[in-house]
Amino acid sequence: MGLFNFVKEAGEKLWDAVSGADDPSKKLQDHIKQLGLPDSDKVKVDVQGDTVTVSGDGISQELKEKILVAAGNVAGITKVDDKVSVSDAAPEAEFYTVKKGDTLSAISKQLYGNPNEYNKIFEANKPMLTHPDKIYPGQVLRIPK
C-alpha cells in the first residue's frame, strides 16, 4: 500500500480536466471495468482533484497492480493512493515510467538484460497495452520479476 506518482499530462484522455460537470470517479470506475479485468468490480475508485484513491479487497496482487496502473495512466492524474488488500501473497512487480525513445525491447534489455523478454512486459500490462509498439512517454508499466 502506498502512494504512486504519475505524469499528469501523460495518459488516456477520459475527461476534460476543466469540466466539473462529469463525475470523474464514475468515469474512471467505468474505464477500469471496460478493460475487462476480472474482479475489477471489487474495487472502488475515488477521484479528488488529481489524486485517485483505489480501495477494496479480495483481489490478486497482479490485478491490484493493473488497476493502479490503469487509474494512474489517465491524463490529469498525478497520484494513486493504494488502499487495496490482496487475497494472495505474491511478490510485488516493479514499475517503470516510459521515457522518450523507449521501446519494450529497450526496456527489457535495460531491466532483464535481454531485449527478447519484451513480451513478458507486454503480457504483464494487458489489456492496458494493445500492441507492443504502442507505448508513450510518461506511461507507467508493470515490470514483473
C-alpha atoms as a PDB file:
ATOM      1  CA  MET A   1       0.000   0.000   0.000  1.00  0.00           C
ATOM      2  CA  GLY A   2       1.155   3.480  -0.664  1.00  0.00           C
ATOM      3  CA  LEU A   3       1.136   6.435  -2.974  1.00  0.00           C
ATOM      4  CA  PHE A   4       2.226   6.081  -6.607  1.00  0.00           C
ATOM      5  CA  ASN A   5       3.192   9.082  -8.749  1.00  0.00           C
ATOM      6  CA  PHE A   6       2.270   9.540 -12.399  1.00  0.00           C
ATOM      7  CA  VAL A   7       2.881  12.160 -15.097  1.00  0.00           C
ATOM      8  CA  LYS A   8      -0.138  14.484 -15.171  1.00  0.00           C
ATOM      9  CA  GLU A   9      -0.024  15.256 -18.904  1.00  0.00           C
ATOM     10  CA  ALA A  10       0.501  11.645 -19.997  1.00  0.00           C
ATOM     11  CA  GLY A  11      -2.240   9.096 -20.318  1.00  0.00           C
ATOM     12  CA  GLU A  12      -5.630   8.435 -21.736  1.00  0.00           C
ATOM     13  CA  LYS A  13      -7.962  11.392 -22.102  1.00  0.00           C
ATOM     14  CA  LEU A  14     -11.065  10.276 -20.209  1.00  0.00           C
ATOM     15  CA  TRP A  15     -12.416  13.666 -19.293  1.00  0.00           C
ATOM     16  CA  ASP A  16     -11.761  17.334 -19.816  1.00  0.00           C
ATOM     17  CA  ALA A  17      -9.793  18.450 -16.768  1.00  0.00           C
ATOM     18  CA  VAL A  18     -11.588  21.820 -16.664  1.00  0.00           C
ATOM     19  CA  SER A  19     -15.110  20.413 -16.792  1.00  0.00           C
ATOM     20  CA  GLY A  20     -16.735  19.845 -13.415  1.00  0.00           C
ATOM     21  CA  ALA A  21     -19.995  18.600 -14.920  1.00  0.00           C
ATOM     22  CA  ASP A  22     -18.943  14.983 -15.243  1.00  0.00           C
ATOM     23  CA  ASP A  23     -18.314  12.601 -12.342  1.00  0.00           C
ATOM     24  CA  PRO A  24     -14.627  11.679 -12.737  1.00  0.00           C
ATOM     25  CA  SER A  25     -14.843   8.868 -10.142  1.00  0.00           C
ATOM     26  CA  LYS A  26     -17.617   7.142 -12.096  1.00  0.00           C
ATOM     27  CA  LYS A  27     -15.836   7.679 -15.422  1.00  0.00           C
ATOM     28  CA  LEU A  28     -12.629   6.166 -14.091  1.00  0.00           C
ATOM     29  CA  GLN A  29     -14.501   3.260 -12.471  1.00  0.00           C
ATOM     30  CA  ASP A  30     -16.246   2.612 -15.804  1.00  0.00           C
ATOM     31  CA  HIS A  31     -12.914   2.833 -17.664  1.00  0.00           C
ATOM     32  CA  ILE A  32     -11.398   0.170 -15.403  1.00  0.00           C
ATOM     33  CA  LYS A  33     -14.441  -2.093 -15.835  1.00  0.00           C
ATOM     34  CA  GLN A  34     -14.292  -1.686 -19.626  1.00  0.00           C
ATOM     35  CA  LEU A  35     -10.750  -3.068 -19.624  1.00  0.00           C
ATOM     36  CA  GLY A  36     -12.322  -6.433 -18.803  1.00  0.00           C
ATOM     37  CA  LEU A  37     -10.128  -7.152 -15.816  1.00  0.00           C
ATOM     38  CA  PRO A  38     -11.728  -9.967 -13.787  1.00  0.00           C
ATOM     39  CA  ASP A  39     -12.899  -8.935 -10.290  1.00  0.00           C
ATOM     40  CA  SER A  40     -12.349  -5.233 -11.025  1.00  0.00           C
ATOM     41  CA  ASP A  41     -15.822  -4.705  -9.572  1.00  0.00           C
ATOM     42  CA  LYS A  42     -14.304  -5.479  -6.142  1.00  0.00           C
ATOM     43  CA  VAL A  43     -12.506  -2.123  -6.071  1.00  0.00           C
ATOM     44  CA  LYS A  44     -13.779   1.411  -5.723  1.00  0.00           C
ATOM     45  CA  VAL A  45     -12.085   4.470  -7.159  1.00  0.00           C
ATOM     46  CA  ASP A  46     -12.489   7.975  -5.793  1.00  0.00           C
ATOM     47  CA  VAL A  47     -11.067  10.933  -7.715  1.00  0.00           C
ATOM     48  CA  GLN A  48     -10.289  14.084  -5.765  1.00  0.00           C
ATOM     49  CA  GLY A  49      -8.554  16.650  -7.962  1.00  0.00           C
ATOM     50  CA  ASP A  50      -5.500  14.962  -9.480  1.00  0.00           C
ATOM     51  CA  THR A  51      -5.416  12.105  -6.943  1.00  0.00           C
ATOM     52  CA  VAL A  52      -7.204   8.754  -7.192  1.00  0.00           C
ATOM     53  CA  THR A  53      -7.791   6.571  -4.150  1.00  0.00           C
ATOM     54  CA  VAL A  54      -8.320   2.910  -5.001  1.00  0.00           C
ATOM     55  CA  SER A  55      -9.816   0.756  -2.243  1.00  0.00           C
ATOM     56  CA  GLY A  56     -11.157  -2.767  -1.954  1.00  0.00           C
ATOM     57  CA  ASP A  57     -10.117  -6.293  -1.076  1.00  0.00           C
ATOM     58  CA  GLY A  58     -10.178  -9.882  -2.252  1.00  0.00           C
ATOM     59  CA  ILE A  59      -8.229  -9.418  -5.475  1.00  0.00           C
ATOM     60  CA  SER A  60      -4.851 -10.740  -6.631  1.00  0.00           C
ATOM     61  CA  GLN A  61      -1.604  -8.773  -6.435  1.00  0.00           C
ATOM     62  CA  GLU A  62      -1.413  -8.753 -10.241  1.00  0.00           C
ATOM     63  CA  LEU A  63      -4.943  -7.376 -10.633  1.00  0.00           C
ATOM     64  CA  LYS A  64      -4.302  -4.721  -7.982  1.00  0.00           C
ATOM     65  CA  GLU A  65      -1.202  -3.536  -9.834  1.00  0.00           C
ATOM     66  CA  LYS A  66      -3.014  -3.476 -13.178  1.00  0.00           C
ATOM     67  CA  ILE A  67      -5.846  -1.402 -11.695  1.00  0.00           C
ATOM     68  CA  LEU A  68      -3.402   1.040 -10.082  1.00  0.00           C
ATOM     69  CA  VAL A  69      -1.562   1.461 -13.392  1.00  0.00           C
ATOM     70  CA  ALA A  70      -4.826   1.829 -15.337  1.00  0.00           C
ATOM     71  CA  ALA A  71      -6.036   4.508 -12.905  1.00  0.00           C
ATOM     72  CA  GLY A  72      -2.758   6.402 -12.957  1.00  0.00           C
ATOM     73  CA  ASN A  73      -2.225   6.333 -16.708  1.00  0.00           C
ATOM     74  CA  VAL A  74      -5.047   8.818 -17.229  1.00  0.00           C
ATOM     75  CA  ALA A  75      -4.355  12.417 -18.229  1.00  0.00           C
ATOM     76  CA  GLY A  76      -4.837  14.725 -15.258  1.00  0.00           C
ATOM     77  CA  ILE A  77      -3.957  12.132 -12.603  1.00  0.00           C
ATOM     78  CA  THR A  78      -0.679  12.603 -10.734  1.00  0.00           C
ATOM     79  CA  LYS A  79      -1.109  10.274  -7.753  1.00  0.00           C
ATOM     80  CA  VAL A  80      -2.805   6.976  -6.991  1.00  0.00           C
ATOM     81  CA  ASP A  81      -3.328   6.118  -3.338  1.00  0.00           C
ATOM     82  CA  ASP A  82      -3.345   2.339  -2.898  1.00  0.00           C
ATOM     83  CA  LYS A  83      -5.801   1.193  -0.226  1.00  0.00           C
ATOM     84  CA  VAL A  84      -6.368  -2.288  -1.696  1.00  0.00           C
ATOM     85  CA  SER A  85      -5.913  -5.505   0.298  1.00  0.00           C
ATOM     86  CA  VAL A  86      -4.890  -8.515  -1.756  1.00  0.00           C
ATOM     87  CA  SER A  87      -6.009 -12.118  -1.344  1.00  0.00           C
ATOM     88  CA  ASP A  88      -2.615 -13.615  -2.194  1.00  0.00           C
ATOM     89  CA  ALA A  89       0.932 -13.019  -1.016  1.00  0.00           C
ATOM     90  CA  ALA A  90       2.529 -12.747  -4.457  1.00  0.00           C
ATOM     91  CA  PRO A  91       5.649 -10.615  -4.886  1.00  0.00           C
ATOM     92  CA  GLU A  92       5.072  -7.048  -5.989  1.00  0.00           C
ATOM     93  CA  ALA A  93       6.077  -6.045  -9.503  1.00  0.00           C
ATOM     94  CA  GLU A  94       8.321  -3.091 -10.192  1.00  0.00           C
ATOM     95  CA  PHE A  95       7.039  -0.061 -12.066  1.00  0.00           C
ATOM     96  CA  TYR A  96       8.775   1.759 -14.904  1.00  0.00           C
ATOM     97  CA  THR A  97       7.968   5.177 -16.370  1.00  0.00           C
ATOM     98  CA  VAL A  98       8.419   5.222 -20.138  1.00  0.00           C
ATOM     99  CA  LYS A  99      10.873   7.825 -21.444  1.00  0.00           C
ATOM    100  CA  LYS A 100      11.011   9.414 -24.909  1.00  0.00           C
ATOM    101  CA  GLY A 101      12.544   6.934 -27.365  1.00  0.00           C
ATOM    102  CA  ASP A 102      11.830   3.862 -25.208  1.00  0.00           C
ATOM    103  CA  THR A 103      10.596   0.621 -26.733  1.00  0.00           C
ATOM    104  CA  LEU A 104       9.546  -2.506 -24.880  1.00  0.00           C
ATOM    105  CA  SER A 105      12.688  -4.200 -26.241  1.00  0.00           C
ATOM    106  CA  ALA A 106      14.918  -1.420 -24.898  1.00  0.00           C
ATOM    107  CA  ILE A 107      13.176  -1.517 -21.520  1.00  0.00           C
ATOM    108  CA  SER A 108      13.515  -5.297 -21.475  1.00  0.00           C
ATOM    109  CA  LYS A 109      17.237  -5.085 -22.243  1.00  0.00           C
ATOM    110  CA  GLN A 110      17.739  -2.473 -19.518  1.00  0.00           C
ATOM    111  CA  LEU A 111      15.778  -4.329 -16.834  1.00  0.00           C
ATOM    112  CA  TYR A 112      16.231  -8.003 -17.760  1.00  0.00           C
ATOM    113  CA  GLY A 113      19.463  -7.871 -19.746  1.00  0.00           C
ATOM    114  CA  ASN A 114      17.701  -9.373 -22.781  1.00  0.00           C
ATOM    115  CA  PRO A 115      15.708  -7.371 -25.351  1.00  0.00           C
ATOM    116  CA  ASN A 116      13.794 -10.503 -26.353  1.00  0.00           C
ATOM    117  CA  GLU A 117      11.980 -10.553 -22.982  1.00  0.00           C
ATOM    118  CA  TYR A 118       9.817  -7.595 -24.098  1.00  0.00           C
ATOM    119  CA  ASN A 119       6.768  -9.856 -24.419  1.00  0.00           C
ATOM    120  CA  LYS A 120       6.906 -10.501 -20.663  1.00  0.00           C
ATOM    121  CA  ILE A 121       6.363  -6.754 -20.097  1.00  0.00           C
ATOM    122  CA  PHE A 122       3.685  -6.598 -22.801  1.00  0.00           C
ATOM    123  CA  GLU A 123       1.733  -9.513 -21.301  1.00  0.00           C
ATOM    124  CA  ALA A 124       2.029  -8.042 -17.788  1.00  0.00           C
ATOM    125  CA  ASN A 125       0.364  -4.835 -18.993  1.00  0.00           C
ATOM    126  CA  LYS A 126      -2.517  -6.307 -20.995  1.00  0.00           C
ATOM    127  CA  PRO A 127      -5.254  -5.194 -21.570  1.00  0.00           C
ATOM    128  CA  MET A 128      -3.957  -1.645 -20.994  1.00  0.00           C
ATOM    129  CA  LEU A 129      -1.450  -2.251 -23.796  1.00  0.00           C
ATOM    130  CA  THR A 130      -2.987  -3.436 -27.040  1.00  0.00           C
ATOM    131  CA  HIS A 131       0.257  -3.675 -29.055  1.00  0.00           C
ATOM    132  CA  PRO A 132       3.945  -3.842 -28.045  1.00  0.00           C
ATOM    133  CA  ASP A 133       4.735  -0.742 -30.133  1.00  0.00           C
ATOM    134  CA  LYS A 134       2.026   1.432 -28.566  1.00  0.00           C
ATOM    135  CA  ILE A 135       3.716   2.929 -25.501  1.00  0.00           C
ATOM    136  CA  TYR A 136       4.199   6.636 -24.797  1.00  0.00           C
ATOM    137  CA  PRO A 137       6.460   8.828 -22.652  1.00  0.00           C
ATOM    138  CA  GLY A 138       5.134   9.220 -19.123  1.00  0.00           C
ATOM    139  CA  GLN A 139       3.213   5.947 -19.195  1.00  0.00           C
ATOM    140  CA  VAL A 140       3.829   3.710 -16.198  1.00  0.00           C
ATOM    141  CA  LEU A 141       4.279  -0.011 -16.874  1.00  0.00           C
ATOM    142  CA  ARG A 142       4.214  -3.047 -14.597  1.00  0.00           C
ATOM    143  CA  ILE A 143       7.523  -4.914 -14.733  1.00  0.00           C
ATOM    144  CA  PRO A 144       7.129  -8.472 -13.454  1.00  0.00           C
ATOM    145  CA  LYS A 145      10.025 -10.143 -11.657  1.00  0.00           C
END
